Amino acid sequence: MTLPATRPKARRAGPDLLVLARFEEFTGWLLDRTAKWPKNVRFTLTQRIENHALDLVELLVAARYRRAGRRARLEEANLTLERMRHLFRLARGAGACPFTVFEASMRALDECGRMLHGWRRGLRSRGETP
């Protein structure tokens, strides 16, 4: 995936844009992988994981561009991320999620969780109101 030359690199843009960019990239990767999961979990676990990923993208976009209620959106995003972790564990236990996809997903969720925590901590240090 290449970015246009006029767009600044995400690392220079701040933690809010970095976590959004990384999670968008992960979501695209995830949608490609879950399409190959068995049909017996396609309308249960697969759909729930995909919906949580898309909901999280929406929450991050809203938190990035709307100041009012930013903390609440980031709290909801953190909860959604935690739900995804549990759903991936269930999918792995059911044999629907290959180990390589599970491992890569858990690493990506961990990375996004750490960046999300940094964003939330930055809000507290700047004293942004809820």
C-alpha atoms as a PDB file:
ATOM      1  CA  MET A   1       0.000   0.000   0.000  1.00  0.00           C
ATOM      2  CA  THR A   2       1.583   3.273  -1.089  1.00  0.00           C
ATOM      3  CA  LEU A   3       0.542   6.721   0.003  1.00  0.00           C
ATOM      4  CA  PRO A   4       0.353   9.787  -2.239  1.00  0.00           C
ATOM      5  CA  ALA A   5       3.477  11.949  -2.141  1.00  0.00           C
ATOM      6  CA  THR A   6       1.569  14.956  -0.765  1.00  0.00           C
ATOM      7  CA  ARG A   7       0.322  13.160   2.339  1.00  0.00           C
ATOM      8  CA  PRO A   8       2.519  13.444   5.483  1.00  0.00           C
ATOM      9  CA  LYS A   9       3.866  10.235   6.927  1.00  0.00           C
ATOM     10  CA  ALA A  10       1.699   8.883   9.735  1.00  0.00           C
ATOM     11  CA  ARG A  11       4.535   8.871  12.270  1.00  0.00           C
ATOM     12  CA  ARG A  12       4.775  12.670  12.016  1.00  0.00           C
ATOM     13  CA  ALA A  13       1.045  13.137  12.322  1.00  0.00           C
ATOM     14  CA  GLY A  14       0.548  12.235  15.997  1.00  0.00           C
ATOM     15  CA  PRO A  15      -0.748   9.236  17.894  1.00  0.00           C
ATOM     16  CA  ASP A  16      -4.364   9.739  16.864  1.00  0.00           C
ATOM     17  CA  LEU A  17      -3.674   9.498  13.150  1.00  0.00           C
ATOM     18  CA  LEU A  18      -1.102   6.744  13.589  1.00  0.00           C
ATOM     19  CA  VAL A  19      -3.489   4.395  15.402  1.00  0.00           C
ATOM     20  CA  LEU A  20      -6.209   5.146  12.853  1.00  0.00           C
ATOM     21  CA  ALA A  21      -3.885   4.413   9.916  1.00  0.00           C
ATOM     22  CA  ARG A  22      -2.588   1.189  11.464  1.00  0.00           C
ATOM     23  CA  PHE A  23      -6.047  -0.075  12.341  1.00  0.00           C
ATOM     24  CA  GLU A  24      -7.395   0.714   8.859  1.00  0.00           C
ATOM     25  CA  GLU A  25      -4.545  -1.298   7.387  1.00  0.00           C
ATOM     26  CA  PHE A  26      -5.210  -4.162   9.813  1.00  0.00           C
ATOM     27  CA  THR A  27      -8.947  -4.125   9.035  1.00  0.00           C
ATOM     28  CA  GLY A  28      -8.309  -4.467   5.299  1.00  0.00           C
ATOM     29  CA  TRP A  29      -5.945  -7.361   5.957  1.00  0.00           C
ATOM     30  CA  LEU A  30      -8.442  -8.961   8.346  1.00  0.00           C
ATOM     31  CA  LEU A  31     -11.360  -8.774   5.909  1.00  0.00           C
ATOM     32  CA  ASP A  32      -9.274 -10.645   3.340  1.00  0.00           C
ATOM     33  CA  ARG A  33      -8.443 -13.393   5.854  1.00  0.00           C
ATOM     34  CA  THR A  34     -11.894 -13.873   7.387  1.00  0.00           C
ATOM     35  CA  ALA A  35     -13.415 -14.358   3.934  1.00  0.00           C
ATOM     36  CA  LYS A  36     -11.567 -17.700   3.861  1.00  0.00           C
ATOM     37  CA  TRP A  37     -12.844 -18.974   7.215  1.00  0.00           C
ATOM     38  CA  PRO A  38     -15.240 -21.953   7.230  1.00  0.00           C
ATOM     39  CA  LYS A  39     -18.886 -21.333   6.422  1.00  0.00           C
ATOM     40  CA  ASN A  40     -20.062 -22.805   9.706  1.00  0.00           C
ATOM     41  CA  VAL A  41     -18.696 -19.730  11.550  1.00  0.00           C
ATOM     42  CA  ARG A  42     -19.149 -17.162   8.779  1.00  0.00           C
ATOM     43  CA  PHE A  43     -22.414 -15.757  10.155  1.00  0.00           C
ATOM     44  CA  THR A  44     -21.434 -15.925  13.807  1.00  0.00           C
ATOM     45  CA  LEU A  45     -17.824 -15.360  14.793  1.00  0.00           C
ATOM     46  CA  THR A  46     -16.611 -14.037  11.460  1.00  0.00           C
ATOM     47  CA  GLN A  47     -19.384 -11.489  11.146  1.00  0.00           C
ATOM     48  CA  ARG A  48     -18.989 -10.334  14.747  1.00  0.00           C
ATOM     49  CA  ILE A  49     -15.212  -9.886  14.384  1.00  0.00           C
ATOM     50  CA  GLU A  50     -15.615  -8.000  11.111  1.00  0.00           C
ATOM     51  CA  ASN A  51     -18.348  -5.770  12.565  1.00  0.00           C
ATOM     52  CA  HIS A  52     -16.228  -4.972  15.622  1.00  0.00           C
ATOM     53  CA  ALA A  53     -13.286  -4.071  13.398  1.00  0.00           C
ATOM     54  CA  LEU A  54     -15.446  -1.741  11.302  1.00  0.00           C
ATOM     55  CA  ASP A  55     -17.047  -0.244  14.430  1.00  0.00           C
ATOM     56  CA  LEU A  56     -13.595   0.433  15.818  1.00  0.00           C
ATOM     57  CA  VAL A  57     -12.562   2.252  12.654  1.00  0.00           C
ATOM     58  CA  GLU A  58     -15.680   4.420  12.960  1.00  0.00           C
ATOM     59  CA  LEU A  59     -14.966   5.162  16.634  1.00  0.00           C
ATOM     60  CA  LEU A  60     -11.381   6.152  15.881  1.00  0.00           C
ATOM     61  CA  VAL A  61     -12.467   8.442  13.042  1.00  0.00           C
ATOM     62  CA  ALA A  62     -15.078  10.089  15.271  1.00  0.00           C
ATOM     63  CA  ALA A  63     -12.567  10.494  18.115  1.00  0.00           C
ATOM     64  CA  ARG A  64     -10.025  11.979  15.723  1.00  0.00           C
ATOM     65  CA  TYR A  65     -12.322  14.608  14.253  1.00  0.00           C
ATOM     66  CA  ARG A  66     -14.778  15.411  17.073  1.00  0.00           C
ATOM     67  CA  ARG A  67     -13.409  16.934  20.252  1.00  0.00           C
ATOM     68  CA  ALA A  68     -16.645  16.666  22.222  1.00  0.00           C
ATOM     69  CA  GLY A  69     -16.943  13.228  23.766  1.00  0.00           C
ATOM     70  CA  ARG A  70     -13.478  12.143  22.657  1.00  0.00           C
ATOM     71  CA  ARG A  71     -12.644  10.371  25.909  1.00  0.00           C
ATOM     72  CA  ALA A  72     -15.914   8.432  25.834  1.00  0.00           C
ATOM     73  CA  ARG A  73     -15.258   7.346  22.248  1.00  0.00           C
ATOM     74  CA  LEU A  74     -11.757   6.202  23.130  1.00  0.00           C
ATOM     75  CA  GLU A  75     -13.105   4.246  26.110  1.00  0.00           C
ATOM     76  CA  GLU A  76     -15.642   2.588  23.792  1.00  0.00           C
ATOM     77  CA  ALA A  77     -12.871   1.872  21.271  1.00  0.00           C
ATOM     78  CA  ASN A  78     -10.815   0.210  23.999  1.00  0.00           C
ATOM     79  CA  LEU A  79     -13.787  -1.945  25.002  1.00  0.00           C
ATOM     80  CA  THR A  80     -14.392  -2.920  21.360  1.00  0.00           C
ATOM     81  CA  LEU A  81     -10.734  -3.871  21.004  1.00  0.00           C
ATOM     82  CA  GLU A  82     -11.020  -6.098  24.073  1.00  0.00           C
ATOM     83  CA  ARG A  83     -14.144  -7.753  22.656  1.00  0.00           C
ATOM     84  CA  MET A  84     -12.235  -8.499  19.464  1.00  0.00           C
ATOM     85  CA  ARG A  85      -9.483 -10.203  21.460  1.00  0.00           C
ATOM     86  CA  HIS A  86     -12.002 -12.510  23.094  1.00  0.00           C
ATOM     87  CA  LEU A  87     -13.764 -13.267  19.806  1.00  0.00           C
ATOM     88  CA  PHE A  88     -10.440 -14.191  18.204  1.00  0.00           C
ATOM     89  CA  ARG A  89      -9.745 -16.584  21.083  1.00  0.00           C
ATOM     90  CA  LEU A  90     -13.137 -18.191  20.548  1.00  0.00           C
ATOM     91  CA  ALA A  91     -12.513 -18.461  16.796  1.00  0.00           C
ATOM     92  CA  ARG A  92      -9.136 -20.049  17.420  1.00  0.00           C
ATOM     93  CA  GLY A  93     -10.647 -22.501  19.901  1.00  0.00           C
ATOM     94  CA  ALA A  94     -13.344 -23.428  17.371  1.00  0.00           C
ATOM     95  CA  GLY A  95     -10.683 -24.152  14.772  1.00  0.00           C
ATOM     96  CA  ALA A  96     -11.968 -21.448  12.424  1.00  0.00           C
ATOM     97  CA  CYS A  97      -8.969 -19.159  12.689  1.00  0.00           C
ATOM     98  CA  PRO A  98      -5.604 -20.504  11.507  1.00  0.00           C
ATOM     99  CA  PHE A  99      -2.786 -20.023  13.999  1.00  0.00           C
ATOM    100  CA  THR A 100      -0.832 -17.649  11.735  1.00  0.00           C
ATOM    101  CA  VAL A 101      -3.870 -15.369  11.355  1.00  0.00           C
ATOM    102  CA  PHE A 102      -4.558 -15.574  15.083  1.00  0.00           C
ATOM    103  CA  GLU A 103      -0.990 -14.659  15.983  1.00  0.00           C
ATOM    104  CA  ALA A 104      -0.789 -11.774  13.514  1.00  0.00           C
ATOM    105  CA  SER A 105      -4.190 -10.489  14.630  1.00  0.00           C
ATOM    106  CA  MET A 106      -3.311 -10.587  18.310  1.00  0.00           C
ATOM    107  CA  ARG A 107      -0.060  -8.733  17.634  1.00  0.00           C
ATOM    108  CA  ALA A 108      -1.896  -6.074  15.624  1.00  0.00           C
ATOM    109  CA  LEU A 109      -4.590  -5.714  18.295  1.00  0.00           C
ATOM    110  CA  ASP A 110      -1.907  -5.404  20.955  1.00  0.00           C
ATOM    111  CA  GLU A 111      -0.094  -2.724  18.968  1.00  0.00           C
ATOM    112  CA  CYS A 112      -3.306  -0.775  18.362  1.00  0.00           C
ATOM    113  CA  GLY A 113      -4.233  -1.134  22.030  1.00  0.00           C
ATOM    114  CA  ARG A 114      -0.899   0.329  23.086  1.00  0.00           C
ATOM    115  CA  MET A 115      -1.258   3.236  20.669  1.00  0.00           C
ATOM    116  CA  LEU A 116      -4.823   3.815  21.823  1.00  0.00           C
ATOM    117  CA  HIS A 117      -3.632   3.885  25.428  1.00  0.00           C
ATOM    118  CA  GLY A 118      -0.973   6.439  24.495  1.00  0.00           C
ATOM    119  CA  TRP A 119      -3.600   8.624  22.848  1.00  0.00           C
ATOM    120  CA  ARG A 120      -5.830   8.405  25.928  1.00  0.00           C
ATOM    121  CA  ARG A 121      -2.913   9.179  28.235  1.00  0.00           C
ATOM    122  CA  GLY A 122      -1.994  12.168  26.065  1.00  0.00           C
ATOM    123  CA  LEU A 123      -5.494  13.545  26.466  1.00  0.00           C
ATOM    124  CA  ARG A 124      -5.175  13.350  30.231  1.00  0.00           C
ATOM    125  CA  SER A 125      -1.790  15.081  30.234  1.00  0.00           C
ATOM    126  CA  ARG A 126      -3.155  17.908  28.058  1.00  0.00           C
ATOM    127  CA  GLY A 127      -6.158  18.195  30.338  1.00  0.00           C
ATOM    128  CA  GLU A 128      -8.778  17.788  27.609  1.00  0.00           C
ATOM    129  CA  THR A 129     -12.287  17.779  28.983  1.00  0.00           C
ATOM    130  CA  PRO A 130     -14.584  14.807  28.399  1.00  0.00           C
END
